[in-house]
Amino acid sequence: MIRPREIGYTDELLADGSVHRTYEDGRQEWRRRDPGGVVRWHDNQDGAGTDELLGDRIVKRALADGTVTYGRDLGYGRTLWGRGDTLMINRTSFGGRMGAILVGLGVAGLAVTAAQLPPLALTPEEEEVLRQQAQSSSSGGGEYGYDAGDGGGGDGGADWDGGDWGDDGGGWSDDDFG
């Protein structure tokens, strides 16, 4: 079992459709999702990059310098990054609050298993397979590309209970990958 460091965050929808994300550790991000579904962001520490939801609940974060890291959406507003060192928790959404309640009850637990870890690296071919998987599941499976009975709420990363990512016109959708 791995016990990641938790960092909570809250999101504020701005009038222009972008989002201001405030992390409990003092970082801030400004986020906007482009029509292709990729979230573009920049922060108050001169960082910038993109977050992209791949299949199998994997979130790809590409920094402006070319560095790539992966996270895994664990559901209920929680995203696990790296080798389980950081767990991002969306405290804005229902999923994030539900996740916090479950953690408090010991149901979700702070520990994660090796099976929940995101990949350290993926080849471009593996990423493409996951993209195709995400596209095919979003056209057939549950409302958000996976069966809502699997734990639901998401999050790069992602809480999907804010709307269908496929047809919201590029606007904000609750979490946009944590």
Protein backbone atom coordinates (compact mmCIF):
# COMPACT_ATOMS: atom_id res chain seq x y z
CA MET A 1 0.00 0.00 0.00
CA ILE A 2 1.17 3.48 -0.89
CA ARG A 3 0.20 6.54 1.15
CA PRO A 4 0.30 9.57 -1.14
CA ARG A 5 0.54 13.19 -0.08
CA GLU A 6 -2.89 14.80 -0.48
CA ILE A 7 -3.33 18.19 -2.10
CA GLY A 8 -6.83 19.57 -2.29
CA TYR A 9 -8.03 22.17 -4.72
CA THR A 10 -11.11 24.20 -5.56
CA ASP A 11 -12.28 25.52 -8.90
CA GLU A 12 -13.97 28.79 -9.73
CA LEU A 13 -15.73 29.20 -13.07
CA LEU A 14 -14.83 32.55 -14.60
CA ALA A 15 -17.08 34.68 -16.80
CA ASP A 16 -15.07 33.87 -19.94
CA GLY A 17 -15.64 30.12 -19.47
CA SER A 18 -12.15 29.43 -18.14
CA VAL A 19 -11.44 28.19 -14.64
CA HIS A 20 -9.28 29.48 -11.84
CA ARG A 21 -8.01 26.55 -9.77
CA THR A 22 -6.59 27.19 -6.29
CA TYR A 23 -4.53 24.46 -4.63
CA GLU A 24 -4.21 24.12 -0.86
CA ASP A 25 -0.42 24.39 -1.21
CA GLY A 26 -0.73 27.94 -2.64
CA ARG A 27 -0.40 27.17 -6.33
CA GLN A 28 -2.94 28.61 -8.74
CA GLU A 29 -3.82 27.54 -12.29
CA TRP A 30 -5.91 29.07 -15.02
CA ARG A 31 -7.47 26.41 -17.24
CA ARG A 32 -9.37 26.30 -20.51
CA ARG A 33 -10.49 23.27 -22.48
CA ASP A 34 -10.06 23.46 -26.25
CA PRO A 35 -12.61 21.99 -28.68
CA GLY A 36 -10.57 18.78 -28.97
CA GLY A 37 -10.98 18.10 -25.25
CA VAL A 38 -7.42 18.94 -24.19
CA VAL A 39 -7.17 21.29 -21.21
CA ARG A 40 -4.60 24.06 -21.60
CA TRP A 41 -3.32 25.63 -18.39
CA HIS A 42 -0.77 28.02 -16.94
CA ASP A 43 0.04 28.67 -13.31
CA ASN A 44 1.40 31.29 -10.94
CA GLN A 45 4.83 29.61 -10.90
CA ASP A 46 5.57 30.13 -14.62
CA GLY A 47 4.42 26.61 -15.49
CA ALA A 48 2.24 25.82 -18.49
CA GLY A 49 1.07 22.79 -20.35
CA THR A 50 -1.84 20.56 -21.28
CA ASP A 51 -3.87 17.82 -19.62
CA GLU A 52 -5.52 15.17 -21.77
CA LEU A 53 -7.85 12.37 -20.72
CA LEU A 54 -6.80 9.10 -22.30
CA GLY A 55 -8.61 5.77 -21.94
CA ASP A 56 -8.46 3.56 -18.84
CA ARG A 57 -8.83 6.71 -16.69
CA ILE A 58 -5.29 7.85 -17.52
CA VAL A 59 -4.58 11.59 -17.64
CA LYS A 60 -1.56 12.79 -19.61
CA ARG A 61 0.05 16.02 -18.42
CA ALA A 62 2.50 17.53 -20.90
CA LEU A 63 4.50 20.50 -19.66
CA ALA A 64 5.59 23.29 -21.99
CA ASP A 65 9.20 22.03 -21.73
CA GLY A 66 8.16 18.63 -23.16
CA THR A 67 8.12 16.72 -19.86
CA VAL A 68 5.22 14.27 -19.65
CA THR A 69 3.70 12.71 -16.53
CA TYR A 70 0.64 10.54 -16.11
CA GLY A 71 -2.10 10.42 -13.54
CA ARG A 72 -4.99 8.06 -12.92
CA ASP A 73 -8.54 9.15 -12.16
CA LEU A 74 -9.56 7.19 -9.06
CA GLY A 75 -13.12 8.49 -8.94
CA TYR A 76 -14.84 10.79 -6.48
CA GLY A 77 -12.75 13.82 -7.42
CA ARG A 78 -9.40 12.11 -6.82
CA THR A 79 -6.45 11.81 -9.21
CA LEU A 80 -3.27 9.93 -8.38
CA TRP A 81 -0.05 11.22 -9.99
CA GLY A 82 3.38 9.74 -10.58
CA ARG A 83 4.27 6.66 -8.57
CA GLY A 84 1.58 7.38 -6.06
CA ASP A 85 3.38 10.30 -4.48
CA THR A 86 0.55 12.84 -4.90
CA LEU A 87 -3.21 12.51 -4.67
CA MET A 88 -5.11 15.56 -5.94
CA ILE A 89 -8.56 15.97 -4.41
CA ASN A 90 -11.21 18.20 -5.93
CA ARG A 91 -12.96 19.80 -2.98
CA THR A 92 -15.30 21.79 -5.25
CA SER A 93 -17.43 19.04 -6.69
CA PHE A 94 -19.83 16.54 -5.22
CA GLY A 95 -17.37 13.81 -6.13
CA GLY A 96 -14.57 15.51 -4.23
CA ARG A 97 -16.69 15.98 -1.14
CA MET A 98 -17.92 12.39 -1.41
CA GLY A 99 -14.32 11.22 -1.73
CA ALA A 100 -13.38 13.17 1.38
CA ILE A 101 -16.28 11.61 3.28
CA LEU A 102 -15.28 8.13 2.16
CA VAL A 103 -11.66 8.76 3.16
CA GLY A 104 -12.87 10.05 6.53
CA LEU A 105 -14.87 6.88 7.03
CA GLY A 106 -11.96 4.76 5.98
CA VAL A 107 -13.92 3.36 3.04
CA ALA A 108 -11.76 4.83 0.29
CA GLY A 109 -8.66 4.94 2.44
CA LEU A 110 -5.59 7.07 1.96
CA ALA A 111 -3.58 4.12 0.76
CA VAL A 112 -3.61 3.11 -2.87
CA THR A 113 -2.60 -0.15 -4.42
CA ALA A 114 -0.07 -0.79 -7.16
CA ALA A 115 -2.96 -1.57 -9.52
CA GLN A 116 -4.16 2.02 -9.18
CA LEU A 117 -0.84 3.59 -10.13
CA PRO A 118 -0.68 5.44 -13.45
CA PRO A 119 1.97 4.36 -15.94
CA LEU A 120 5.42 5.91 -15.65
CA ALA A 121 5.68 6.21 -19.42
CA LEU A 122 3.72 5.36 -22.53
CA THR A 123 4.82 5.11 -26.13
CA PRO A 124 2.99 7.25 -28.68
CA GLU A 125 1.37 4.04 -29.93
CA GLU A 126 0.14 3.13 -26.44
CA GLU A 127 -1.26 6.64 -25.99
CA GLU A 128 -3.10 6.36 -29.29
CA VAL A 129 -4.62 3.02 -28.26
CA LEU A 130 -5.86 4.67 -25.05
CA ARG A 131 -7.27 7.64 -27.03
CA GLN A 132 -9.13 5.24 -29.29
CA GLN A 133 -10.39 3.36 -26.25
CA ALA A 134 -11.66 6.62 -24.74
CA GLN A 135 -13.40 7.58 -27.99
CA SER A 136 -15.08 4.21 -28.42
CA SER A 137 -16.23 4.03 -24.81
CA SER A 138 -17.60 7.58 -24.88
CA SER A 139 -19.73 6.72 -27.90
CA GLY A 140 -21.14 3.61 -26.28
CA GLY A 141 -20.55 3.17 -22.56
CA GLY A 142 -21.62 5.33 -19.69
CA GLU A 143 -22.41 9.02 -19.90
CA TYR A 144 -18.77 10.04 -19.40
CA GLY A 145 -16.97 7.36 -21.31
CA TYR A 146 -17.07 4.69 -18.64
CA ASP A 147 -19.78 2.92 -16.74
CA ALA A 148 -21.20 5.22 -14.06
CA GLY A 149 -21.48 2.21 -11.80
CA ASP A 150 -17.71 1.97 -11.48
CA GLY A 151 -17.32 4.65 -8.86
CA GLY A 152 -18.52 7.51 -10.94
CA GLY A 153 -17.03 10.92 -10.47
CA GLY A 154 -13.57 10.94 -11.72
CA ASP A 155 -10.45 12.88 -11.45
CA GLY A 156 -5.60 15.26 -14.42
CA GLY A 157 -6.36 14.82 -13.05
CA ALA A 158 -11.09 14.34 -13.01
CA ASP A 159 -14.65 14.80 -11.95
CA TRP A 160 -16.89 14.01 -14.87
CA ASP A 161 -20.21 14.68 -13.19
CA GLY A 162 -20.31 18.23 -14.53
CA GLY A 163 -21.44 17.28 -18.03
CA ASP A 164 -20.76 15.24 -21.11
CA TRP A 165 -17.30 16.15 -22.33
CA GLY A 166 -18.19 15.29 -25.90
CA ASP A 167 -20.78 17.98 -26.58
CA ASP A 168 -20.40 20.94 -24.25
CA GLY A 169 -18.92 23.23 -26.90
CA GLY A 170 -15.50 23.45 -25.28
CA GLY A 171 -16.76 25.09 -22.10
CA TRP A 172 -15.98 24.25 -18.53
CA SER A 173 -17.12 20.94 -17.17
CA ASP A 174 -16.74 20.84 -13.38
CA ASP A 175 -13.19 19.57 -13.09
CA ASP A 176 -11.28 19.36 -16.36
CA PHE A 177 -8.61 16.90 -15.16
CA GLY A 178 -6.97 17.25 -11.79
